[in-house]
Each structure stands twice: as C-alpha cells, then as structure tokens.
mmCIF file of all heavy atoms, coordinates in Angstrom:
data_MODEL
# 
_entry.id   MODEL 
# 
loop_
_atom_site.group_PDB 
_atom_site.id 
_atom_site.type_symbol 
_atom_site.label_atom_id 
_atom_site.label_alt_id 
_atom_site.label_comp_id 
_atom_site.label_asym_id 
_atom_site.label_entity_id 
_atom_site.label_seq_id 
_atom_site.pdbx_PDB_ins_code 
_atom_site.Cartn_x 
_atom_site.Cartn_y 
_atom_site.Cartn_z 
_atom_site.occupancy 
_atom_site.B_iso_or_equiv 
_atom_site.pdbx_formal_charge 
_atom_site.auth_seq_id 
_atom_site.auth_comp_id 
_atom_site.auth_asym_id 
_atom_site.auth_atom_id 
_atom_site.pdbx_PDB_model_num 
ATOM 1   N N   . GLY A 1 1  ? 7.233   15.607 53.560 1.00 0.00 ? 1  GLY A N   1 
ATOM 2   C CA  . GLY A 1 1  ? 6.108   14.746 53.188 1.00 0.00 ? 1  GLY A CA  1 
ATOM 3   C C   . GLY A 1 1  ? 5.656   13.854 54.322 1.00 0.00 ? 1  GLY A C   1 
ATOM 4   O O   . GLY A 1 1  ? 4.455   13.652 54.528 1.00 0.00 ? 1  GLY A O   1 
ATOM 5   N N   . GLN A 1 2  ? 6.605   13.340 55.071 1.00 0.00 ? 2  GLN A N   1 
ATOM 6   C CA  . GLN A 1 2  ? 6.275   12.466 56.197 1.00 0.00 ? 2  GLN A CA  1 
ATOM 7   C C   . GLN A 1 2  ? 5.529   13.247 57.278 1.00 0.00 ? 2  GLN A C   1 
ATOM 8   O O   . GLN A 1 2  ? 4.525   12.770 57.804 1.00 0.00 ? 2  GLN A O   1 
ATOM 9   C CB  . GLN A 1 2  ? 7.550   11.851 56.772 1.00 0.00 ? 2  GLN A CB  1 
ATOM 10  C CG  . GLN A 1 2  ? 7.300   10.937 57.939 1.00 0.00 ? 2  GLN A CG  1 
ATOM 11  C CD  . GLN A 1 2  ? 8.596   10.349 58.486 1.00 0.00 ? 2  GLN A CD  1 
ATOM 12  O OE1 . GLN A 1 2  ? 9.627   10.353 57.820 1.00 0.00 ? 2  GLN A OE1 1 
ATOM 13  N NE2 . GLN A 1 2  ? 8.529   9.852  59.705 1.00 0.00 ? 2  GLN A NE2 1 
ATOM 14  N N   . VAL A 1 3  ? 6.010   14.440 57.615 1.00 0.00 ? 3  VAL A N   1 
ATOM 15  C CA  . VAL A 1 3  ? 5.347   15.265 58.632 1.00 0.00 ? 3  VAL A CA  1 
ATOM 16  C C   . VAL A 1 3  ? 3.919   15.586 58.193 1.00 0.00 ? 3  VAL A C   1 
ATOM 17  O O   . VAL A 1 3  ? 2.968   15.436 58.968 1.00 0.00 ? 3  VAL A O   1 
ATOM 18  C CB  . VAL A 1 3  ? 6.135   16.574 58.896 1.00 0.00 ? 3  VAL A CB  1 
ATOM 19  C CG1 . VAL A 1 3  ? 5.347   17.519 59.796 1.00 0.00 ? 3  VAL A CG1 1 
ATOM 20  C CG2 . VAL A 1 3  ? 7.493   16.259 59.513 1.00 0.00 ? 3  VAL A CG2 1 
ATOM 21  N N   . ILE A 1 4  ? 3.771   15.998 56.947 1.00 0.00 ? 4  ILE A N   1 
ATOM 22  C CA  . ILE A 1 4  ? 2.447   16.364 56.435 1.00 0.00 ? 4  ILE A CA  1 
ATOM 23  C C   . ILE A 1 4  ? 1.513   15.153 56.451 1.00 0.00 ? 4  ILE A C   1 
ATOM 24  O O   . ILE A 1 4  ? 0.367   15.246 56.913 1.00 0.00 ? 4  ILE A O   1 
ATOM 25  C CB  . ILE A 1 4  ? 2.562   16.959 55.018 1.00 0.00 ? 4  ILE A CB  1 
ATOM 26  C CG1 . ILE A 1 4  ? 3.281   18.310 55.076 1.00 0.00 ? 4  ILE A CG1 1 
ATOM 27  C CG2 . ILE A 1 4  ? 1.190   17.097 54.368 1.00 0.00 ? 4  ILE A CG2 1 
ATOM 28  C CD1 . ILE A 1 4  ? 3.678   18.855 53.722 1.00 0.00 ? 4  ILE A CD1 1 
ATOM 29  N N   . SER A 1 5  ? 1.987   14.014 55.965 1.00 0.00 ? 5  SER A N   1 
ATOM 30  C CA  . SER A 1 5  ? 1.158   12.803 55.918 1.00 0.00 ? 5  SER A CA  1 
ATOM 31  C C   . SER A 1 5  ? 0.718   12.358 57.306 1.00 0.00 ? 5  SER A C   1 
ATOM 32  O O   . SER A 1 5  ? -0.452  12.030 57.516 1.00 0.00 ? 5  SER A O   1 
ATOM 33  C CB  . SER A 1 5  ? 1.928   11.664 55.241 1.00 0.00 ? 5  SER A CB  1 
ATOM 34  O OG  . SER A 1 5  ? 2.198   11.968 53.906 1.00 0.00 ? 5  SER A OG  1 
ATOM 35  N N   . GLU A 1 6  ? 1.658   12.349 58.246 1.00 0.00 ? 6  GLU A N   1 
ATOM 36  C CA  . GLU A 1 6  ? 1.322   11.915 59.607 1.00 0.00 ? 6  GLU A CA  1 
ATOM 37  C C   . GLU A 1 6  ? 0.312   12.851 60.256 1.00 0.00 ? 6  GLU A C   1 
ATOM 38  O O   . GLU A 1 6  ? -0.647  12.396 60.883 1.00 0.00 ? 6  GLU A O   1 
ATOM 39  C CB  . GLU A 1 6  ? 2.587   11.824 60.462 1.00 0.00 ? 6  GLU A CB  1 
ATOM 40  C CG  . GLU A 1 6  ? 3.467   10.651 60.098 1.00 0.00 ? 6  GLU A CG  1 
ATOM 41  C CD  . GLU A 1 6  ? 4.799   10.644 60.829 1.00 0.00 ? 6  GLU A CD  1 
ATOM 42  O OE1 . GLU A 1 6  ? 5.063   11.567 61.640 1.00 0.00 ? 6  GLU A OE1 1 
ATOM 43  O OE2 . GLU A 1 6  ? 5.588   9.711  60.577 1.00 0.00 ? 6  GLU A OE2 1 
ATOM 44  N N   . ARG A 1 7  ? 0.512   14.160 60.107 1.00 0.00 ? 7  ARG A N   1 
ATOM 45  C CA  . ARG A 1 7  ? -0.410  15.122 60.713 1.00 0.00 ? 7  ARG A CA  1 
ATOM 46  C C   . ARG A 1 7  ? -1.800  15.046 60.082 1.00 0.00 ? 7  ARG A C   1 
ATOM 47  O O   . ARG A 1 7  ? -2.802  15.057 60.769 1.00 0.00 ? 7  ARG A O   1 
ATOM 48  C CB  . ARG A 1 7  ? 0.142   16.542 60.599 1.00 0.00 ? 7  ARG A CB  1 
ATOM 49  C CG  . ARG A 1 7  ? 1.403   16.807 61.390 1.00 0.00 ? 7  ARG A CG  1 
ATOM 50  C CD  . ARG A 1 7  ? 1.138   16.736 62.894 1.00 0.00 ? 7  ARG A CD  1 
ATOM 51  N NE  . ARG A 1 7  ? 2.269   17.198 63.639 1.00 0.00 ? 7  ARG A NE  1 
ATOM 52  C CZ  . ARG A 1 7  ? 2.281   18.282 64.417 1.00 0.00 ? 7  ARG A CZ  1 
ATOM 53  N NH1 . ARG A 1 7  ? 1.216   19.025 64.565 1.00 0.00 ? 7  ARG A NH1 1 
ATOM 54  N NH2 . ARG A 1 7  ? 3.380   18.611 65.060 1.00 0.00 ? 7  ARG A NH2 1 
ATOM 55  N N   . ALA A 1 8  ? -1.849  14.968 58.753 1.00 0.00 ? 8  ALA A N   1 
ATOM 56  C CA  . ALA A 1 8  ? -3.139  14.900 58.057 1.00 0.00 ? 8  ALA A CA  1 
ATOM 57  C C   . ALA A 1 8  ? -3.879  13.612 58.438 1.00 0.00 ? 8  ALA A C   1 
ATOM 58  O O   . ALA A 1 8  ? -5.101  13.638 58.670 1.00 0.00 ? 8  ALA A O   1 
ATOM 59  C CB  . ALA A 1 8  ? -2.928  14.991 56.551 1.00 0.00 ? 8  ALA A CB  1 
ATOM 60  N N   . SER A 1 9  ? -3.171  12.501 58.521 1.00 0.00 ? 9  SER A N   1 
ATOM 61  C CA  . SER A 1 9  ? -3.790  11.228 58.890 1.00 0.00 ? 9  SER A CA  1 
ATOM 62  C C   . SER A 1 9  ? -4.351  11.269 60.300 1.00 0.00 ? 9  SER A C   1 
ATOM 63  O O   . SER A 1 9  ? -5.435  10.740 60.566 1.00 0.00 ? 9  SER A O   1 
ATOM 64  C CB  . SER A 1 9  ? -2.779  10.089 58.763 1.00 0.00 ? 9  SER A CB  1 
ATOM 65  O OG  . SER A 1 9  ? -2.413  9.916  57.415 1.00 0.00 ? 9  SER A OG  1 
ATOM 66  N N   . ARG A 1 10 ? -3.626  11.907 61.197 1.00 0.00 ? 10 ARG A N   1 
ATOM 67  C CA  . ARG A 1 10 ? -4.091  12.025 62.584 1.00 0.00 ? 10 ARG A CA  1 
ATOM 68  C C   . ARG A 1 10 ? -5.397  12.826 62.657 1.00 0.00 ? 10 ARG A C   1 
ATOM 69  O O   . ARG A 1 10 ? -6.320  12.454 63.379 1.00 0.00 ? 10 ARG A O   1 
ATOM 70  C CB  . ARG A 1 10 ? -3.010  12.691 63.438 1.00 0.00 ? 10 ARG A CB  1 
ATOM 71  C CG  . ARG A 1 10 ? -3.282  12.603 64.915 1.00 0.00 ? 10 ARG A CG  1 
ATOM 72  C CD  . ARG A 1 10 ? -2.148  13.149 65.763 1.00 0.00 ? 10 ARG A CD  1 
ATOM 73  N NE  . ARG A 1 10 ? -0.850  12.684 65.314 1.00 0.00 ? 10 ARG A NE  1 
ATOM 74  C CZ  . ARG A 1 10 ? 0.259   13.405 65.324 1.00 0.00 ? 10 ARG A CZ  1 
ATOM 75  N NH1 . ARG A 1 10 ? 0.234   14.647 65.774 1.00 0.00 ? 10 ARG A NH1 1 
ATOM 76  N NH2 . ARG A 1 10 ? 1.399   12.932 64.912 1.00 0.00 ? 10 ARG A NH2 1 
ATOM 77  N N   . ILE A 1 11 ? -5.474  13.898 61.880 1.00 0.00 ? 11 ILE A N   1 
ATOM 78  C CA  . ILE A 1 11 ? -6.695  14.725 61.879 1.00 0.00 ? 11 ILE A CA  1 
ATOM 79  C C   . ILE A 1 11 ? -7.846  13.928 61.256 1.00 0.00 ? 11 ILE A C   1 
ATOM 80  O O   . ILE A 1 11 ? -8.961  13.928 61.783 1.00 0.00 ? 11 ILE A O   1 
ATOM 81  C CB  . ILE A 1 11 ? -6.478  16.046 61.114 1.00 0.00 ? 11 ILE A CB  1 
ATOM 82  C CG1 . ILE A 1 11 ? -5.351  16.876 61.743 1.00 0.00 ? 11 ILE A CG1 1 
ATOM 83  C CG2 . ILE A 1 11 ? -7.777  16.845 61.029 1.00 0.00 ? 11 ILE A CG2 1 
ATOM 84  C CD1 . ILE A 1 11 ? -5.622  17.412 63.115 1.00 0.00 ? 11 ILE A CD1 1 
ATOM 85  N N   . ALA A 1 12 ? -7.601  13.243 60.146 1.00 0.00 ? 12 ALA A N   1 
ATOM 86  C CA  . ALA A 1 12 ? -8.645  12.430 59.500 1.00 0.00 ? 12 ALA A CA  1 
ATOM 87  C C   . ALA A 1 12 ? -9.175  11.379 60.467 1.00 0.00 ? 12 ALA A C   1 
ATOM 88  O O   . ALA A 1 12 ? -10.393 11.153 60.549 1.00 0.00 ? 12 ALA A O   1 
ATOM 89  C CB  . ALA A 1 12 ? -8.090  11.778 58.239 1.00 0.00 ? 12 ALA A CB  1 
ATOM 90  N N   . ASP A 1 13 ? -8.276  10.758 61.213 1.00 0.00 ? 13 ASP A N   1 
ATOM 91  C CA  . ASP A 1 13 ? -8.665  9.756  62.202 1.00 0.00 ? 13 ASP A CA  1 
ATOM 92  C C   . ASP A 1 13 ? -9.553  10.383 63.284 1.00 0.00 ? 13 ASP A C   1 
ATOM 93  O O   . ASP A 1 13 ? -10.545 9.781  63.707 1.00 0.00 ? 13 ASP A O   1 
ATOM 94  C CB  . ASP A 1 13 ? -7.408  9.131  62.818 1.00 0.00 ? 13 ASP A CB  1 
ATOM 95  C CG  . ASP A 1 13 ? -7.733  8.044  63.800 1.00 0.00 ? 13 ASP A CG  1 
ATOM 96  O OD1 . ASP A 1 13 ? -8.421  7.072  63.412 1.00 0.00 ? 13 ASP A OD1 1 
ATOM 97  O OD2 . ASP A 1 13 ? -7.302  8.154  64.976 1.00 0.00 ? 13 ASP A OD2 1 
ATOM 98  N N   . ARG A 1 14 ? -9.216  11.576 63.715 1.00 0.00 ? 14 ARG A N   1 
ATOM 99  C CA  . ARG A 1 14 ? -9.993  12.264 64.747 1.00 0.00 ? 14 ARG A CA  1 
ATOM 100 C C   . ARG A 1 14 ? -11.439 12.498 64.288 1.00 0.00 ? 14 ARG A C   1 
ATOM 101 O O   . ARG A 1 14 ? -12.365 12.449 65.076 1.00 0.00 ? 14 ARG A O   1 
ATOM 102 C CB  . ARG A 1 14 ? -9.339  13.601 65.101 1.00 0.00 ? 14 ARG A CB  1 
ATOM 103 C CG  . ARG A 1 14 ? -10.023 14.295 66.255 1.00 0.00 ? 14 ARG A CG  1 
ATOM 104 C CD  . ARG A 1 14 ? -9.395  15.618 66.661 1.00 0.00 ? 14 ARG A CD  1 
ATOM 105 N NE  . ARG A 1 14 ? -7.960  15.616 66.637 1.00 0.00 ? 14 ARG A NE  1 
ATOM 106 C CZ  . ARG A 1 14 ? -7.222  16.678 66.278 1.00 0.00 ? 14 ARG A CZ  1 
ATOM 107 N NH1 . ARG A 1 14 ? -7.810  17.797 65.910 1.00 0.00 ? 14 ARG A NH1 1 
ATOM 108 N NH2 . ARG A 1 14 ? -5.920  16.618 66.279 1.00 0.00 ? 14 ARG A NH2 1 
ATOM 109 N N   . TYR A 1 15 ? -11.621 12.731 62.996 1.00 0.00 ? 15 TYR A N   1 
ATOM 110 C CA  . TYR A 1 15 ? -12.962 12.956 62.441 1.00 0.00 ? 15 TYR A CA  1 
ATOM 111 C C   . TYR A 1 15 ? -13.598 11.654 61.934 1.00 0.00 ? 15 TYR A C   1 
ATOM 112 O O   . TYR A 1 15 ? -14.681 11.686 61.368 1.00 0.00 ? 15 TYR A O   1 
ATOM 113 C CB  . TYR A 1 15 ? -12.900 13.975 61.295 1.00 0.00 ? 15 TYR A CB  1 
ATOM 114 C CG  . TYR A 1 15 ? -12.794 15.387 61.788 1.00 0.00 ? 15 TYR A CG  1 
ATOM 115 C CD1 . TYR A 1 15 ? -11.553 15.978 62.016 1.00 0.00 ? 15 TYR A CD1 1 
ATOM 116 C CD2 . TYR A 1 15 ? -13.937 16.146 62.043 1.00 0.00 ? 15 TYR A CD2 1 
ATOM 117 C CE1 . TYR A 1 15 ? -11.448 17.278 62.477 1.00 0.00 ? 15 TYR A CE1 1 
ATOM 118 C CE2 . TYR A 1 15 ? -13.842 17.448 62.502 1.00 0.00 ? 15 TYR A CE2 1 
ATOM 119 C CZ  . TYR A 1 15 ? -12.592 18.007 62.716 1.00 0.00 ? 15 TYR A CZ  1 
ATOM 120 O OH  . TYR A 1 15 ? -12.491 19.301 63.182 1.00 0.00 ? 15 TYR A OH  1 
ATOM 121 N N   . ASP A 1 16 ? -12.908 10.515 62.122 1.00 0.00 ? 16 ASP A N   1 
ATOM 122 C CA  . ASP A 1 16 ? -13.358 9.222  61.619 1.00 0.00 ? 16 ASP A CA  1 
ATOM 123 C C   . ASP A 1 16 ? -13.613 9.294  60.114 1.00 0.00 ? 16 ASP A C   1 
ATOM 124 O O   . ASP A 1 16 ? -14.625 8.817  59.617 1.00 0.00 ? 16 ASP A O   1 
ATOM 125 C CB  . ASP A 1 16 ? -14.613 8.753  62.370 1.00 0.00 ? 16 ASP A CB  1 
ATOM 126 C CG  . ASP A 1 16 ? -14.912 7.278  62.118 1.00 0.00 ? 16 ASP A CG  1 
ATOM 127 O OD1 . ASP A 1 16 ? -13.963 6.516  61.845 1.00 0.00 ? 16 ASP A OD1 1 
ATOM 128 O OD2 . ASP A 1 16 ? -16.102 6.903  62.149 1.00 0.00 ? 16 ASP A OD2 1 
ATOM 129 N N   . ARG A 1 17 ? -12.653 9.920  59.399 1.00 0.00 ? 17 ARG A N   1 
ATOM 130 C CA  . ARG A 1 17 ? -12.790 10.113 57.958 1.00 0.00 ? 17 ARG A CA  1 
ATOM 131 C C   . ARG A 1 17 ? -11.517 9.719  57.211 1.00 0.00 ? 17 ARG A C   1 
ATOM 132 O O   . ARG A 1 17 ? -11.152 10.330 56.213 1.00 0.00 ? 17 ARG A O   1 
ATOM 133 C CB  . ARG A 1 17 ? -13.154 11.569 57.653 1.00 0.00 ? 17 ARG A CB  1 
ATOM 134 C CG  . ARG A 1 17 ? -14.545 11.936 58.159 1.00 0.00 ? 17 ARG A CG  1 
ATOM 135 C CD  . ARG A 1 17 ? -14.958 13.318 57.798 1.00 0.00 ? 17 ARG A CD  1 
ATOM 136 N NE  . ARG A 1 17 ? -14.897 13.564 56.363 1.00 0.00 ? 17 ARG A NE  1 
ATOM 137 C CZ  . ARG A 1 17 ? -15.008 14.791 55.843 1.00 0.00 ? 17 ARG A CZ  1 
ATOM 138 N NH1 . ARG A 1 17 ? -15.205 15.836 56.612 1.00 0.00 ? 17 ARG A NH1 1 
ATOM 139 N NH2 . ARG A 1 17 ? -14.944 14.958 54.539 1.00 0.00 ? 17 ARG A NH2 1 
ATOM 140 N N   . GLU A 1 18 ? -10.870 8.659  57.663 1.00 0.00 ? 18 GLU A N   1 
ATOM 141 C CA  . GLU A 1 18 ? -9.634  8.211  57.034 1.00 0.00 ? 18 GLU A CA  1 
ATOM 142 C C   . GLU A 1 18 ? -9.838  7.932  55.544 1.00 0.00 ? 18 GLU A C   1 
ATOM 143 O O   . GLU A 1 18 ? -8.962  8.210  54.729 1.00 0.00 ? 18 GLU A O   1 
ATOM 144 C CB  . GLU A 1 18 ? -9.093  6.950  57.716 1.00 0.00 ? 18 GLU A CB  1 
ATOM 145 C CG  . GLU A 1 18 ? -8.757  7.128  59.183 1.00 0.00 ? 18 GLU A CG  1 
ATOM 146 C CD  . GLU A 1 18 ? -9.928  6.807  60.110 1.00 0.00 ? 18 GLU A CD  1 
ATOM 147 O OE1 . GLU A 1 18 ? -11.095 6.752  59.643 1.00 0.00 ? 18 GLU A OE1 1 
ATOM 148 O OE2 . GLU A 1 18 ? -9.688  6.623  61.302 1.00 0.00 ? 18 GLU A OE2 1 
ATOM 149 N N   . ALA A 1 19 ? -11.014 7.395  55.180 1.00 0.00 ? 19 ALA A N   1 
ATOM 150 C CA  . ALA A 1 19 ? -11.277 7.059  53.776 1.00 0.00 ? 19 ALA A CA  1 
ATOM 151 C C   . ALA A 1 19 ? -11.444 8.300  52.905 1.00 0.00 ? 19 ALA A C   1 
ATOM 152 O O   . ALA A 1 19 ? -11.292 8.220  51.682 1.00 0.00 ? 19 ALA A O   1 
ATOM 153 C CB  . ALA A 1 19 ? -12.531 6.193  53.679 1.00 0.00 ? 19 ALA A CB  1 
ATOM 154 N N   . ASP A 1 20 ? -11.735 9.451  53.507 1.00 0.00 ? 20 ASP A N   1 
ATOM 155 C CA  . ASP A 1 20 ? -11.916 10.688 52.750 1.00 0.00 ? 20 ASP A CA  1 
ATOM 156 C C   . ASP A 1 20 ? -10.601 11.401 52.457 1.00 0.00 ? 20 ASP A C   1 
ATOM 157 O O   . ASP A 1 20 ? -10.560 12.290 51.614 1.00 0.00 ? 20 ASP A O   1 
ATOM 158 C CB  . ASP A 1 20 ? -12.830 11.667 53.516 1.00 0.00 ? 20 ASP A CB  1 
ATOM 159 C CG  . ASP A 1 20 ? -14.245 11.145 53.671 1.00 0.00 ? 20 ASP A CG  1 
ATOM 160 O OD1 . ASP A 1 20 ? -14.637 10.223 52.941 1.00 0.00 ? 20 ASP A OD1 1 
ATOM 161 O OD2 . ASP A 1 20 ? -14.963 11.685 54.545 1.00 0.00 ? 20 ASP A OD2 1 
ATOM 162 N N   . LEU A 1 21 ? -9.527  11.020 53.146 1.00 0.00 ? 21 LEU A N   1 
ATOM 163 C CA  . LEU A 1 21 ? -8.250  11.709 53.010 1.00 0.00 ? 21 LEU A CA  1 
ATOM 164 C C   . LEU A 1 21 ? -7.487  11.211 51.783 1.00 0.00 ? 21 LEU A C   1 
ATOM 165 O O   . LEU A 1 21 ? -7.267  10.009 51.609 1.00 0.00 ? 21 LEU A O   1 
ATOM 166 C CB  . LEU A 1 21 ? -7.396  11.498 54.267 1.00 0.00 ? 21 LEU A CB  1 
ATOM 167 C CG  . LEU A 1 21 ? -6.027  12.163 54.268 1.00 0.00 ? 21 LEU A CG  1 
ATOM 168 C CD1 . LEU A 1 21 ? -6.151  13.686 54.176 1.00 0.00 ? 21 LEU A CD1 1 
ATOM 169 C CD2 . LEU A 1 21 ? -5.269  11.764 55.536 1.00 0.00 ? 21 LEU A CD2 1 
ATOM 170 N N   . VAL A 1 22 ? -7.092  12.137 50.935 1.00 0.00 ? 22 VAL A N   1 
ATOM 171 C CA  . VAL A 1 22 ? -6.267  11.840 49.768 1.00 0.00 ? 22 VAL A CA  1 
ATOM 172 C C   . VAL A 1 22 ? -4.939  12.559 49.977 1.00 0.00 ? 22 VAL A C   1 
ATOM 173 O O   . VAL A 1 22 ? -4.900  13.793 50.048 1.00 0.00 ? 22 VAL A O   1 
ATOM 174 C CB  . VAL A 1 22 ? -6.935  12.339 48.464 1.00 0.00 ? 22 VAL A CB  1 
ATOM 175 C CG1 . VAL A 1 22 ? -6.033  12.060 47.268 1.00 0.00 ? 22 VAL A CG1 1 
ATOM 176 C CG2 . VAL A 1 22 ? -8.310  11.715 48.287 1.00 0.00 ? 22 VAL A CG2 1 
ATOM 177 N N   . ILE A 1 23 ? -3.869  11.797 50.116 1.00 0.00 ? 23 ILE A N   1 
ATOM 178 C CA  . ILE A 1 23 ? -2.540  12.380 50.346 1.00 0.00 ? 23 ILE A CA  1 
ATOM 179 C C   . ILE A 1 23 ? -1.712  12.236 49.082 1.00 0.00 ? 23 ILE A C   1 
ATOM 180 O O   . ILE A 1 23 ? -1.549  11.134 48.560 1.00 0.00 ? 23 ILE A O   1 
ATOM 181 C CB  . ILE A 1 23 ? -1.833  11.721 51.540 1.00 0.00 ? 23 ILE A CB  1 
ATOM 182 C CG1 . ILE A 1 23 ? -2.627  11.961 52.824 1.00 0.00 ? 23 ILE A CG1 1 
ATOM 183 C CG2 . ILE A 1 23 ? -0.413  12.243 51.672 1.00 0.00 ? 23 ILE A CG2 1 
ATOM 184 C CD1 . ILE A 1 23 ? -2.038  11.315 54.051 1.00 0.00 ? 23 ILE A CD1 1 
ATOM 185 N N   . ASP A 1 24 ? -1.198  13.358 48.603 1.00 0.00 ? 24 ASP A N   1 
ATOM 186 C CA  . ASP A 1 24 ? -0.383  13.397 47.391 1.00 0.00 ? 24 ASP A CA  1 
ATOM 187 C C   . ASP A 1 24 ? 0.812   14.309 47.688 1.00 0.00 ? 24 ASP A C   1 
ATOM 188 O O   . ASP A 1 24 ? 0.821   15.476 47.318 1.00 0.00 ? 24 ASP A O   1 
ATOM 189 C CB  . ASP A 1 24 ? -1.228  13.938 46.228 1.00 0.00 ? 24 ASP A CB  1 
ATOM 190 C CG  . ASP A 1 24 ? -0.455  14.020 44.930 1.00 0.00 ? 24 ASP A CG  1 
ATOM 191 O OD1 . ASP A 1 24 ? 0.617   13.391 44.825 1.00 0.00 ? 24 ASP A OD1 1 
ATOM 192 O OD2 . ASP A 1 24 ? -0.922  14.730 44.013 1.00 0.00 ? 24 ASP A OD2 1 
ATOM 193 N N   . VAL A 1 25 ? 1.790   13.757 48.407 1.00 0.00 ? 25 VAL A N   1 
ATOM 194 C CA  . VAL A 1 25 ? 2.922   14.571 48.843 1.00 0.00 ? 25 VAL A CA  1 
ATOM 195 C C   . VAL A 1 25 ? 4.238   13.950 48.393 1.00 0.00 ? 25 VAL A C   1 
ATOM 196 O O   . VAL A 1 25 ? 4.345   12.739 48.232 1.00 0.00 ? 25 VAL A O   1 
ATOM 197 C CB  . VAL A 1 25 ? 2.940   14.761 50.387 1.00 0.00 ? 25 VAL A CB  1 
ATOM 198 C CG1 . VAL A 1 25 ? 1.705   15.483 50.860 1.00 0.00 ? 25 VAL A CG1 1 
ATOM 199 C CG2 . VAL A 1 25 ? 3.076   13.433 51.111 1.00 0.00 ? 25 VAL A CG2 1 
ATOM 200 N N   . HIS A 1 26 ? 5.212   14.798 48.181 1.00 0.00 ? 26 HIS A N   1 
ATOM 201 C CA  . HIS A 1 26 ? 6.579   14.374 47.919 1.00 0.00 ? 26 HIS A CA  1 
ATOM 202 C C   . HIS A 1 26 ? 7.370   14.611 49.200 1.00 0.00 ? 26 HIS A C   1 
ATOM 203 O O   . HIS A 1 26 ? 7.084   15.534 49.949 1.00 0.00 ? 26 HIS A O   1 
ATOM 204 C CB  . HIS A 1 26 ? 7.185   15.168 46.776 1.00 0.00 ? 26 HIS A CB  1 
ATOM 205 C CG  . HIS A 1 26 ? 6.549   14.863 45.454 1.00 0.00 ? 26 HIS A CG  1 
ATOM 206 N ND1 . HIS A 1 26 ? 6.895   15.508 44.309 1.00 0.00 ? 26 HIS A ND1 1 
ATOM 207 C CD2 . HIS A 1 26 ? 5.607   13.965 45.089 1.00 0.00 ? 26 HIS A CD2 1 
ATOM 208 C CE1 . HIS A 1 26 ? 6.191   15.034 43.304 1.00 0.00 ? 26 HIS A CE1 1 
ATOM 209 N NE2 . HIS A 1 26 ? 5.398   14.105 43.756 1.00 0.00 ? 26 HIS A NE2 1 
ATOM 210 N N   . ASP A 1 27 ? 8.371   13.798 49.428 1.00 0.00 ? 27 ASP A N   1 
ATOM 211 C CA  . ASP A 1 27 ? 9.178   13.922 50.635 1.00 0.00 ? 27 ASP A CA  1 
ATOM 212 C C   . ASP A 1 27 ? 10.515  14.572 50.276 1.00 0.00 ? 27 ASP A C   1 
ATOM 213 O O   . ASP A 1 27 ? 11.198  14.128 49.347 1.00 0.00 ? 27 ASP A O   1 
ATOM 214 C CB  . ASP A 1 27 ? 9.401   12.551 51.261 1.00 0.00 ? 27 ASP A CB  1 
ATOM 215 C CG  . ASP A 1 27 ? 9.655   12.631 52.749 1.00 0.00 ? 27 ASP A CG  1 
ATOM 216 O OD1 . ASP A 1 27 ? 9.335   13.668 53.360 1.00 0.00 ? 27 ASP A OD1 1 
ATOM 217 O OD2 . ASP A 1 27 ? 10.171  11.647 53.319 1.00 0.00 ? 27 ASP A OD2 1 
# 
C-alpha cells in the first residue's frame, strides 16, 4: 500500500492533479 500510494501521488503531482487522486489501498 505504501509503495502504491507513494508512486501514485508522485504521478498525480507531475500532472498537477493531486486533488483528482483517490487512493484506497490496504497495506
């Protein structure tokens, strides 16, 4: 879950779309 969240957040940041990202992961 941590790996997925960190990677997804980094990509969202690259597109300046942090507010569009919905993370629903279990660790």
